[in-house]
Amino acid sequence: MIDHLVFFTARGDASHEDLEDLISSLRKLKSSVPGVVELSAGENFSERSGGYTHGVFVRFGSTADLESYLKHPEHLAVVEKLDRLTTGRIVVDYET
């Protein structure tokens, strides 16, 4: 199994509605992109986040599934929203 973690910081001028749309779009990737085993996304509520405001967790069966996900058109459309609505992003991928 491969776990893909993404943490990002919302821009100060991003509207609540745009951020809700972003999270909804992320969550929809579970059913629209082949190879996704699990997916969760949401807003951080902890004071331990180091300034990151949101997180995404995606689990795949293989690195090939992750690579396919990264190139999938629906994922790329979500990345465009991320680029527009966020300032900082960190990604970690590891095998479990």
PDB file of N, CA and C in Angstrom:
ATOM      1  N   MET A   1       0.845  -1.182   0.000  1.00  0.00           N
ATOM      2  CA  MET A   1       0.000   0.000   0.000  1.00  0.00           C
ATOM      3  C   MET A   1       0.886   1.240   0.000  1.00  0.00           C
ATOM      4  N   ILE A   2       0.397   2.283  -0.625  1.00  0.00           N
ATOM      5  CA  ILE A   2       1.102   3.560  -0.696  1.00  0.00           C
ATOM      6  C   ILE A   2       0.207   4.627  -0.073  1.00  0.00           C
ATOM      7  N   ASP A   3       0.756   5.381   0.860  1.00  0.00           N
ATOM      8  CA  ASP A   3       0.038   6.505   1.458  1.00  0.00           C
ATOM      9  C   ASP A   3       0.598   7.807   0.903  1.00  0.00           C
ATOM     10  N   HIS A   4      -0.309   8.699   0.540  1.00  0.00           N
ATOM     11  CA  HIS A   4       0.005   9.999  -0.066  1.00  0.00           C
ATOM     12  C   HIS A   4      -0.626  11.049   0.850  1.00  0.00           C
ATOM     13  N   LEU A   5       0.207  11.864   1.474  1.00  0.00           N
ATOM     14  CA  LEU A   5      -0.264  12.902   2.382  1.00  0.00           C
ATOM     15  C   LEU A   5       0.054  14.271   1.808  1.00  0.00           C
ATOM     16  N   VAL A   6      -0.909  15.166   1.872  1.00  0.00           N
ATOM     17  CA  VAL A   6      -0.706  16.532   1.401  1.00  0.00           C
ATOM     18  C   VAL A   6      -1.231  17.473   2.482  1.00  0.00           C
ATOM     19  N   PHE A   7      -0.397  18.433   2.858  1.00  0.00           N
ATOM     20  CA  PHE A   7      -0.811  19.482   3.784  1.00  0.00           C
ATOM     21  C   PHE A   7      -0.659  20.801   3.059  1.00  0.00           C
ATOM     22  N   PHE A   8      -1.648  21.689   3.213  1.00  0.00           N
ATOM     23  CA  PHE A   8      -1.572  22.971   2.520  1.00  0.00           C
ATOM     24  C   PHE A   8      -2.147  24.081   3.375  1.00  0.00           C
ATOM     25  N   THR A   9      -1.795  25.307   2.997  1.00  0.00           N
ATOM     26  CA  THR A   9      -2.237  26.502   3.709  1.00  0.00           C
ATOM     27  C   THR A   9      -3.121  27.329   2.792  1.00  0.00           C
ATOM     28  N   ALA A  10      -4.335  27.613   3.250  1.00  0.00           N
ATOM     29  CA  ALA A  10      -5.262  28.418   2.461  1.00  0.00           C
ATOM     30  C   ALA A  10      -4.776  29.857   2.401  1.00  0.00           C
ATOM     31  N   ARG A  11      -4.941  30.470   1.237  1.00  0.00           N
ATOM     32  CA  ARG A  11      -4.616  31.894   1.090  1.00  0.00           C
ATOM     33  C   ARG A  11      -5.564  32.702   1.982  1.00  0.00           C
ATOM     34  N   GLY A  12      -5.081  33.793   2.490  1.00  0.00           N
ATOM     35  CA  GLY A  12      -5.900  34.648   3.345  1.00  0.00           C
ATOM     36  C   GLY A  12      -7.120  35.209   2.644  1.00  0.00           C
ATOM     37  N   ASP A  13      -7.045  35.377   1.330  1.00  0.00           N
ATOM     38  CA  ASP A  13      -8.167  35.939   0.583  1.00  0.00           C
ATOM     39  C   ASP A  13      -9.089  34.873  -0.025  1.00  0.00           C
ATOM     40  N   ALA A  14      -8.826  33.606   0.264  1.00  0.00           N
ATOM     41  CA  ALA A  14      -9.687  32.534  -0.241  1.00  0.00           C
ATOM     42  C   ALA A  14     -11.007  32.533   0.533  1.00  0.00           C
ATOM     43  N   SER A  15     -12.107  32.492  -0.184  1.00  0.00           N
ATOM     44  CA  SER A  15     -13.415  32.516   0.480  1.00  0.00           C
ATOM     45  C   SER A  15     -13.729  31.154   1.094  1.00  0.00           C
ATOM     46  N   HIS A  16     -14.594  31.166   2.077  1.00  0.00           N
ATOM     47  CA  HIS A  16     -15.040  29.926   2.714  1.00  0.00           C
ATOM     48  C   HIS A  16     -15.682  29.009   1.669  1.00  0.00           C
ATOM     49  N   GLU A  17     -16.466  29.582   0.766  1.00  0.00           N
ATOM     50  CA  GLU A  17     -17.144  28.802  -0.267  1.00  0.00           C
ATOM     51  C   GLU A  17     -16.139  28.138  -1.210  1.00  0.00           C
ATOM     52  N   ASP A  18     -15.098  28.881  -1.597  1.00  0.00           N
ATOM     53  CA  ASP A  18     -14.076  28.302  -2.476  1.00  0.00           C
ATOM     54  C   ASP A  18     -13.335  27.165  -1.793  1.00  0.00           C
ATOM     55  N   LEU A  19     -13.045  27.323  -0.509  1.00  0.00           N
ATOM     56  CA  LEU A  19     -12.347  26.265   0.226  1.00  0.00           C
ATOM     57  C   LEU A  19     -13.238  25.044   0.415  1.00  0.00           C
ATOM     58  N   GLU A  20     -14.524  25.251   0.656  1.00  0.00           N
ATOM     59  CA  GLU A  20     -15.459  24.124   0.755  1.00  0.00           C
ATOM     60  C   GLU A  20     -15.541  23.388  -0.579  1.00  0.00           C
ATOM     61  N   ASP A  21     -15.555  24.139  -1.674  1.00  0.00           N
ATOM     62  CA  ASP A  21     -15.573  23.534  -3.001  1.00  0.00           C
ATOM     63  C   ASP A  21     -14.291  22.733  -3.240  1.00  0.00           C
ATOM     64  N   LEU A  22     -13.162  23.257  -2.808  1.00  0.00           N
ATOM     65  CA  LEU A  22     -11.892  22.553  -2.951  1.00  0.00           C
ATOM     66  C   LEU A  22     -11.917  21.225  -2.203  1.00  0.00           C
ATOM     67  N   ILE A  23     -12.355  21.248  -0.952  1.00  0.00           N
ATOM     68  CA  ILE A  23     -12.417  20.017  -0.151  1.00  0.00           C
ATOM     69  C   ILE A  23     -13.388  19.022  -0.776  1.00  0.00           C
ATOM     70  N   SER A  24     -14.527  19.502  -1.235  1.00  0.00           N
ATOM     71  CA  SER A  24     -15.501  18.627  -1.902  1.00  0.00           C
ATOM     72  C   SER A  24     -14.895  18.009  -3.162  1.00  0.00           C
ATOM     73  N   SER A  25     -14.180  18.805  -3.940  1.00  0.00           N
ATOM     74  CA  SER A  25     -13.533  18.299  -5.154  1.00  0.00           C
ATOM     75  C   SER A  25     -12.490  17.240  -4.824  1.00  0.00           C
ATOM     76  N   LEU A  26     -11.730  17.463  -3.767  1.00  0.00           N
ATOM     77  CA  LEU A  26     -10.744  16.475  -3.333  1.00  0.00           C
ATOM     78  C   LEU A  26     -11.430  15.166  -2.952  1.00  0.00           C
ATOM     79  N   ARG A  27     -12.488  15.254  -2.179  1.00  0.00           N
ATOM     80  CA  ARG A  27     -13.193  14.055  -1.722  1.00  0.00           C
ATOM     81  C   ARG A  27     -13.788  13.265  -2.884  1.00  0.00           C
ATOM     82  N   LYS A  28     -14.227  13.945  -3.934  1.00  0.00           N
ATOM     83  CA  LYS A  28     -14.820  13.274  -5.095  1.00  0.00           C
ATOM     84  C   LYS A  28     -13.803  12.441  -5.863  1.00  0.00           C
ATOM     85  N   LEU A  29     -12.513  12.734  -5.677  1.00  0.00           N
ATOM     86  CA  LEU A  29     -11.491  11.962  -6.387  1.00  0.00           C
ATOM     87  C   LEU A  29     -11.516  10.492  -5.998  1.00  0.00           C
ATOM     88  N   LYS A  30     -12.035  10.190  -4.801  1.00  0.00           N
ATOM     89  CA  LYS A  30     -12.094   8.787  -4.357  1.00  0.00           C
ATOM     90  C   LYS A  30     -12.925   7.942  -5.319  1.00  0.00           C
ATOM     91  N   SER A  31     -14.014   8.491  -5.786  1.00  0.00           N
ATOM     92  CA  SER A  31     -14.891   7.708  -6.661  1.00  0.00           C
ATOM     93  C   SER A  31     -14.610   7.930  -8.149  1.00  0.00           C
ATOM     94  N   SER A  32     -13.850   8.958  -8.477  1.00  0.00           N
ATOM     95  CA  SER A  32     -13.669   9.253  -9.895  1.00  0.00           C
ATOM     96  C   SER A  32     -12.303   8.863 -10.457  1.00  0.00           C
ATOM     97  N   VAL A  33     -11.340   8.548  -9.585  1.00  0.00           N
ATOM     98  CA  VAL A  33     -10.003   8.187 -10.067  1.00  0.00           C
ATOM     99  C   VAL A  33      -9.725   6.729  -9.699  1.00  0.00           C
ATOM    100  N   PRO A  34      -9.481   5.887 -10.684  1.00  0.00           N
ATOM    101  CA  PRO A  34      -9.183   4.478 -10.408  1.00  0.00           C
ATOM    102  C   PRO A  34      -7.926   4.333  -9.544  1.00  0.00           C
ATOM    103  N   GLY A  35      -7.926   3.312  -8.694  1.00  0.00           N
ATOM    104  CA  GLY A  35      -6.755   3.010  -7.878  1.00  0.00           C
ATOM    105  C   GLY A  35      -6.758   3.614  -6.499  1.00  0.00           C
ATOM    106  N   VAL A  36      -7.710   4.518  -6.209  1.00  0.00           N
ATOM    107  CA  VAL A  36      -7.800   5.119  -4.882  1.00  0.00           C
ATOM    108  C   VAL A  36      -8.511   4.127  -3.965  1.00  0.00           C
ATOM    109  N   VAL A  37      -7.834   3.723  -2.892  1.00  0.00           N
ATOM    110  CA  VAL A  37      -8.398   2.781  -1.927  1.00  0.00           C
ATOM    111  C   VAL A  37      -9.146   3.530  -0.828  1.00  0.00           C
ATOM    112  N   GLU A  38      -8.529   4.569  -0.314  1.00  0.00           N
ATOM    113  CA  GLU A  38      -9.124   5.414   0.730  1.00  0.00           C
ATOM    114  C   GLU A  38      -8.760   6.853   0.432  1.00  0.00           C
ATOM    115  N   LEU A  39      -9.614   7.786   0.850  1.00  0.00           N
ATOM    116  CA  LEU A  39      -9.319   9.203   0.700  1.00  0.00           C
ATOM    117  C   LEU A  39     -10.090   9.973   1.750  1.00  0.00           C
ATOM    118  N   SER A  40      -9.406  10.881   2.419  1.00  0.00           N
ATOM    119  CA  SER A  40     -10.072  11.819   3.315  1.00  0.00           C
ATOM    120  C   SER A  40      -9.406  13.177   3.159  1.00  0.00           C
ATOM    121  N   ALA A  41     -10.189  14.229   3.366  1.00  0.00           N
ATOM    122  CA  ALA A  41      -9.686  15.595   3.254  1.00  0.00           C
ATOM    123  C   ALA A  41     -10.483  16.469   4.201  1.00  0.00           C
ATOM    124  N   GLY A  42      -9.814  17.453   4.798  1.00  0.00           N
ATOM    125  CA  GLY A  42     -10.537  18.334   5.695  1.00  0.00           C
ATOM    126  C   GLY A  42      -9.690  19.474   6.218  1.00  0.00           C
ATOM    127  N   GLU A  43     -10.363  20.323   6.986  1.00  0.00           N
ATOM    128  CA  GLU A  43      -9.724  21.491   7.589  1.00  0.00           C
ATOM    129  C   GLU A  43      -9.119  21.110   8.934  1.00  0.00           C
ATOM    130  N   ASN A  44      -7.920  21.579   9.185  1.00  0.00           N
ATOM    131  CA  ASN A  44      -7.237  21.331  10.443  1.00  0.00           C
ATOM    132  C   ASN A  44      -7.955  22.051  11.598  1.00  0.00           C
ATOM    133  N   PHE A  45      -8.018  21.404  12.753  1.00  0.00           N
ATOM    134  CA  PHE A  45      -8.567  22.051  13.943  1.00  0.00           C
ATOM    135  C   PHE A  45      -7.553  22.097  15.085  1.00  0.00           C
ATOM    136  N   SER A  46      -6.385  21.542  14.866  1.00  0.00           N
ATOM    137  CA  SER A  46      -5.377  21.445  15.910  1.00  0.00           C
ATOM    138  C   SER A  46      -4.426  22.638  15.876  1.00  0.00           C
ATOM    139  N   GLU A  47      -3.801  22.902  16.998  1.00  0.00           N
ATOM    140  CA  GLU A  47      -2.805  23.974  17.065  1.00  0.00           C
ATOM    141  C   GLU A  47      -1.412  23.438  16.785  1.00  0.00           C
ATOM    142  N   ARG A  48      -1.307  22.184  16.365  1.00  0.00           N
ATOM    143  CA  ARG A  48      -0.014  21.534  16.137  1.00  0.00           C
ATOM    144  C   ARG A  48       0.334  21.426  14.660  1.00  0.00           C
ATOM    145  N   SER A  49      -0.344  22.160  13.804  1.00  0.00           N
ATOM    146  CA  SER A  49      -0.223  21.971  12.357  1.00  0.00           C
ATOM    147  C   SER A  49       0.942  22.714  11.719  1.00  0.00           C
ATOM    148  N   GLY A  50       1.643  23.508  12.470  1.00  0.00           N
ATOM    149  CA  GLY A  50       2.740  24.266  11.882  1.00  0.00           C
ATOM    150  C   GLY A  50       2.278  25.275  10.850  1.00  0.00           C
ATOM    151  N   GLY A  51       1.031  25.708  10.931  1.00  0.00           N
ATOM    152  CA  GLY A  51       0.509  26.705  10.004  1.00  0.00           C
ATOM    153  C   GLY A  51      -0.266  26.148   8.823  1.00  0.00           C
ATOM    154  N   TYR A  52      -0.213  24.835   8.631  1.00  0.00           N
ATOM    155  CA  TYR A  52      -1.006  24.247   7.543  1.00  0.00           C
ATOM    156  C   TYR A  52      -2.464  24.208   7.970  1.00  0.00           C
ATOM    157  N   THR A  53      -3.350  24.618   7.064  1.00  0.00           N
ATOM    158  CA  THR A  53      -4.758  24.760   7.417  1.00  0.00           C
ATOM    159  C   THR A  53      -5.622  23.567   7.016  1.00  0.00           C
ATOM    160  N   HIS A  54      -5.124  22.733   6.088  1.00  0.00           N
ATOM    161  CA  HIS A  54      -5.910  21.619   5.568  1.00  0.00           C
ATOM    162  C   HIS A  54      -5.005  20.425   5.284  1.00  0.00           C
ATOM    163  N   GLY A  55      -5.619  19.248   5.218  1.00  0.00           N
ATOM    164  CA  GLY A  55      -4.862  18.050   4.904  1.00  0.00           C
ATOM    165  C   GLY A  55      -5.659  17.097   4.039  1.00  0.00           C
ATOM    166  N   VAL A  56      -4.907  16.271   3.301  1.00  0.00           N
ATOM    167  CA  VAL A  56      -5.489  15.247   2.442  1.00  0.00           C
ATOM    168  C   VAL A  56      -4.704  13.961   2.658  1.00  0.00           C
ATOM    169  N   PHE A  57      -5.433  12.855   2.793  1.00  0.00           N
ATOM    170  CA  PHE A  57      -4.830  11.528   2.894  1.00  0.00           C
ATOM    171  C   PHE A  57      -5.423  10.676   1.792  1.00  0.00           C
ATOM    172  N   VAL A  58      -4.538  10.045   0.992  1.00  0.00           N
ATOM    173  CA  VAL A  58      -5.002   9.143  -0.063  1.00  0.00           C
ATOM    174  C   VAL A  58      -4.176   7.859   0.033  1.00  0.00           C
ATOM    175  N   ARG A  59      -4.850   6.718  -0.022  1.00  0.00           N
ATOM    176  CA  ARG A  59      -4.166   5.420   0.003  1.00  0.00           C
ATOM    177  C   ARG A  59      -4.382   4.733  -1.351  1.00  0.00           C
ATOM    178  N   PHE A  60      -3.298   4.159  -1.853  1.00  0.00           N
ATOM    179  CA  PHE A  60      -3.293   3.452  -3.134  1.00  0.00           C
ATOM    180  C   PHE A  60      -2.788   2.039  -2.926  1.00  0.00           C
ATOM    181  N   GLY A  61      -3.122   1.164  -3.855  1.00  0.00           N
ATOM    182  CA  GLY A  61      -2.647  -0.201  -3.799  1.00  0.00           C
ATOM    183  C   GLY A  61      -1.210  -0.351  -4.252  1.00  0.00           C
ATOM    184  N   SER A  62      -0.722   0.595  -5.072  1.00  0.00           N
ATOM    185  CA  SER A  62       0.629   0.473  -5.620  1.00  0.00           C
ATOM    186  C   SER A  62       1.158   1.837  -6.026  1.00  0.00           C
ATOM    187  N   THR A  63       2.455   1.906  -6.265  1.00  0.00           N
ATOM    188  CA  THR A  63       3.039   3.151  -6.769  1.00  0.00           C
ATOM    189  C   THR A  63       2.514   3.464  -8.168  1.00  0.00           C
ATOM    190  N   ALA A  64       2.208   2.441  -8.951  1.00  0.00           N
ATOM    191  CA  ALA A  64       1.629   2.668 -10.285  1.00  0.00           C
ATOM    192  C   ALA A  64       0.278   3.371 -10.168  1.00  0.00           C
ATOM    193  N   ASP A  65      -0.519   3.002  -9.162  1.00  0.00           N
ATOM    194  CA  ASP A  65      -1.807   3.674  -8.935  1.00  0.00           C
ATOM    195  C   ASP A  65      -1.595   5.143  -8.565  1.00  0.00           C
ATOM    196  N   LEU A  66      -0.598   5.422  -7.729  1.00  0.00           N
ATOM    197  CA  LEU A  66      -0.277   6.808  -7.363  1.00  0.00           C
ATOM    198  C   LEU A  66       0.148   7.585  -8.605  1.00  0.00           C
ATOM    199  N   GLU A  67       1.016   7.026  -9.396  1.00  0.00           N
ATOM    200  CA  GLU A  67       1.483   7.702 -10.607  1.00  0.00           C
ATOM    201  C   GLU A  67       0.333   7.989 -11.565  1.00  0.00           C
ATOM    202  N   SER A  68      -0.576   7.047 -11.687  1.00  0.00           N
ATOM    203  CA  SER A  68      -1.742   7.240 -12.551  1.00  0.00           C
ATOM    204  C   SER A  68      -2.645   8.353 -12.002  1.00  0.00           C
ATOM    205  N   TYR A  69      -2.843   8.376 -10.696  1.00  0.00           N
ATOM    206  CA  TYR A  69      -3.637   9.402 -10.018  1.00  0.00           C
ATOM    207  C   TYR A  69      -3.061  10.793 -10.287  1.00  0.00           C
ATOM    208  N   LEU A  70      -1.739  10.911 -10.170  1.00  0.00           N
ATOM    209  CA  LEU A  70      -1.093  12.210 -10.337  1.00  0.00           C
ATOM    210  C   LEU A  70      -1.281  12.781 -11.735  1.00  0.00           C
ATOM    211  N   LYS A  71      -1.496  11.925 -12.732  1.00  0.00           N
ATOM    212  CA  LYS A  71      -1.666  12.353 -14.122  1.00  0.00           C
ATOM    213  C   LYS A  71      -3.127  12.426 -14.544  1.00  0.00           C
ATOM    214  N   HIS A  72      -4.024  11.949 -13.684  1.00  0.00           N
ATOM    215  CA  HIS A  72      -5.447  11.886 -14.044  1.00  0.00           C
ATOM    216  C   HIS A  72      -6.016  13.299 -14.216  1.00  0.00           C
ATOM    217  N   PRO A  73      -6.818  13.525 -15.271  1.00  0.00           N
ATOM    218  CA  PRO A  73      -7.365  14.866 -15.526  1.00  0.00           C
ATOM    219  C   PRO A  73      -8.165  15.450 -14.363  1.00  0.00           C
ATOM    220  N   GLU A  74      -8.916  14.635 -13.653  1.00  0.00           N
ATOM    221  CA  GLU A  74      -9.700  15.170 -12.531  1.00  0.00           C
ATOM    222  C   GLU A  74      -8.785  15.594 -11.377  1.00  0.00           C
ATOM    223  N   HIS A  75      -7.706  14.854 -11.146  1.00  0.00           N
ATOM    224  CA  HIS A  75      -6.728  15.264 -10.137  1.00  0.00           C
ATOM    225  C   HIS A  75      -6.049  16.559 -10.572  1.00  0.00           C
ATOM    226  N   LEU A  76      -5.680  16.665 -11.838  1.00  0.00           N
ATOM    227  CA  LEU A  76      -5.026  17.878 -12.336  1.00  0.00           C
ATOM    228  C   LEU A  76      -5.931  19.099 -12.209  1.00  0.00           C
ATOM    229  N   ALA A  77      -7.235  18.917 -12.382  1.00  0.00           N
ATOM    230  CA  ALA A  77      -8.183  20.024 -12.200  1.00  0.00           C
ATOM    231  C   ALA A  77      -8.208  20.475 -10.745  1.00  0.00           C
ATOM    232  N   VAL A  78      -8.116  19.528  -9.810  1.00  0.00           N
ATOM    233  CA  VAL A  78      -8.081  19.880  -8.389  1.00  0.00           C
ATOM    234  C   VAL A  78      -6.767  20.589  -8.055  1.00  0.00           C
ATOM    235  N   VAL A  79      -5.672  20.151  -8.663  1.00  0.00           N
ATOM    236  CA  VAL A  79      -4.380  20.809  -8.437  1.00  0.00           C
ATOM    237  C   VAL A  79      -4.446  22.278  -8.878  1.00  0.00           C
ATOM    238  N   GLU A  80      -5.163  22.564  -9.949  1.00  0.00           N
ATOM    239  CA  GLU A  80      -5.341  23.960 -10.377  1.00  0.00           C
ATOM    240  C   GLU A  80      -6.038  24.770  -9.294  1.00  0.00           C
ATOM    241  N   LYS A  81      -7.060  24.198  -8.663  1.00  0.00           N
ATOM    242  CA  LYS A  81      -7.744  24.884  -7.555  1.00  0.00           C
ATOM    243  C   LYS A  81      -6.778  25.079  -6.391  1.00  0.00           C
ATOM    244  N   LEU A  82      -5.995  24.041  -6.073  1.00  0.00           N
ATOM    245  CA  LEU A  82      -5.010  24.158  -4.997  1.00  0.00           C
ATOM    246  C   LEU A  82      -4.035  25.293  -5.279  1.00  0.00           C
ATOM    247  N   ASP A  83      -3.548  25.366  -6.498  1.00  0.00           N
ATOM    248  CA  ASP A  83      -2.593  26.411  -6.855  1.00  0.00           C
ATOM    249  C   ASP A  83      -3.196  27.804  -6.696  1.00  0.00           C
ATOM    250  N   ARG A  84      -4.474  27.919  -7.006  1.00  0.00           N
ATOM    251  CA  ARG A  84      -5.149  29.221  -6.942  1.00  0.00           C
ATOM    252  C   ARG A  84      -5.513  29.621  -5.516  1.00  0.00           C
ATOM    253  N   LEU A  85      -5.844  28.649  -4.664  1.00  0.00           N
ATOM    254  CA  LEU A  85      -6.405  28.952  -3.338  1.00  0.00           C
ATOM    255  C   LEU A  85      -5.439  28.762  -2.176  1.00  0.00           C
ATOM    256  N   THR A  86      -4.244  28.258  -2.429  1.00  0.00           N
ATOM    257  CA  THR A  86      -3.317  27.964  -1.330  1.00  0.00           C
ATOM    258  C   THR A  86      -1.957  28.611  -1.565  1.00  0.00           C
ATOM    259  N   THR A  87      -1.196  28.714  -0.460  1.00  0.00           N
ATOM    260  CA  THR A  87       0.127  29.330  -0.551  1.00  0.00           C
ATOM    261  C   THR A  87       1.233  28.326  -0.304  1.00  0.00           C
ATOM    262  N   GLY A  88       1.081  27.475   0.647  1.00  0.00           N
ATOM    263  CA  GLY A  88       2.116  26.500   0.961  1.00  0.00           C
ATOM    264  C   GLY A  88       1.576  25.094   0.853  1.00  0.00           C
ATOM    265  N   ARG A  89       2.440  24.185   0.416  1.00  0.00           N
ATOM    266  CA  ARG A  89       1.986  22.799   0.282  1.00  0.00           C
ATOM    267  C   ARG A  89       3.187  21.890   0.507  1.00  0.00           C
ATOM    268  N   ILE A  90       2.950  20.820   1.222  1.00  0.00           N
ATOM    269  CA  ILE A  90       3.973  19.788   1.420  1.00  0.00           C
ATOM    270  C   ILE A  90       3.348  18.440   1.122  1.00  0.00           C
ATOM    271  N   VAL A  91       4.110  17.577   0.461  1.00  0.00           N
ATOM    272  CA  VAL A  91       3.619  16.259   0.069  1.00  0.00           C
ATOM    273  C   VAL A  91       4.586  15.193   0.578  1.00  0.00           C
ATOM    274  N   VAL A  92       4.035  14.139   1.142  1.00  0.00           N
ATOM    275  CA  VAL A  92       4.823  13.002   1.584  1.00  0.00           C
ATOM    276  C   VAL A  92       4.155  11.744   1.057  1.00  0.00           C
ATOM    277  N   ASP A  93       4.949  10.885   0.412  1.00  0.00           N
ATOM    278  CA  ASP A  93       4.482   9.594  -0.078  1.00  0.00           C
ATOM    279  C   ASP A  93       5.342   8.512   0.555  1.00  0.00           C
ATOM    280  N   TYR A  94       4.710   7.449   1.054  1.00  0.00           N
ATOM    281  CA  TYR A  94       5.492   6.354   1.638  1.00  0.00           C
ATOM    282  C   TYR A  94       4.738   5.056   1.500  1.00  0.00           C
ATOM    283  N   GLU A  95       5.506   3.966   1.550  1.00  0.00           N
ATOM    284  CA  GLU A  95       4.952   2.625   1.463  1.00  0.00           C
ATOM    285  C   GLU A  95       4.612   2.130   2.851  1.00  0.00           C
ATOM    286  N   THR A  96       3.443   1.501   2.985  1.00  0.00           N
ATOM    287  CA  THR A  96       3.048   0.951   4.285  1.00  0.00           C
ATOM    288  C   THR A  96       3.105  -0.554   4.267  1.00  0.00           C
TER     289      THR A  96
END
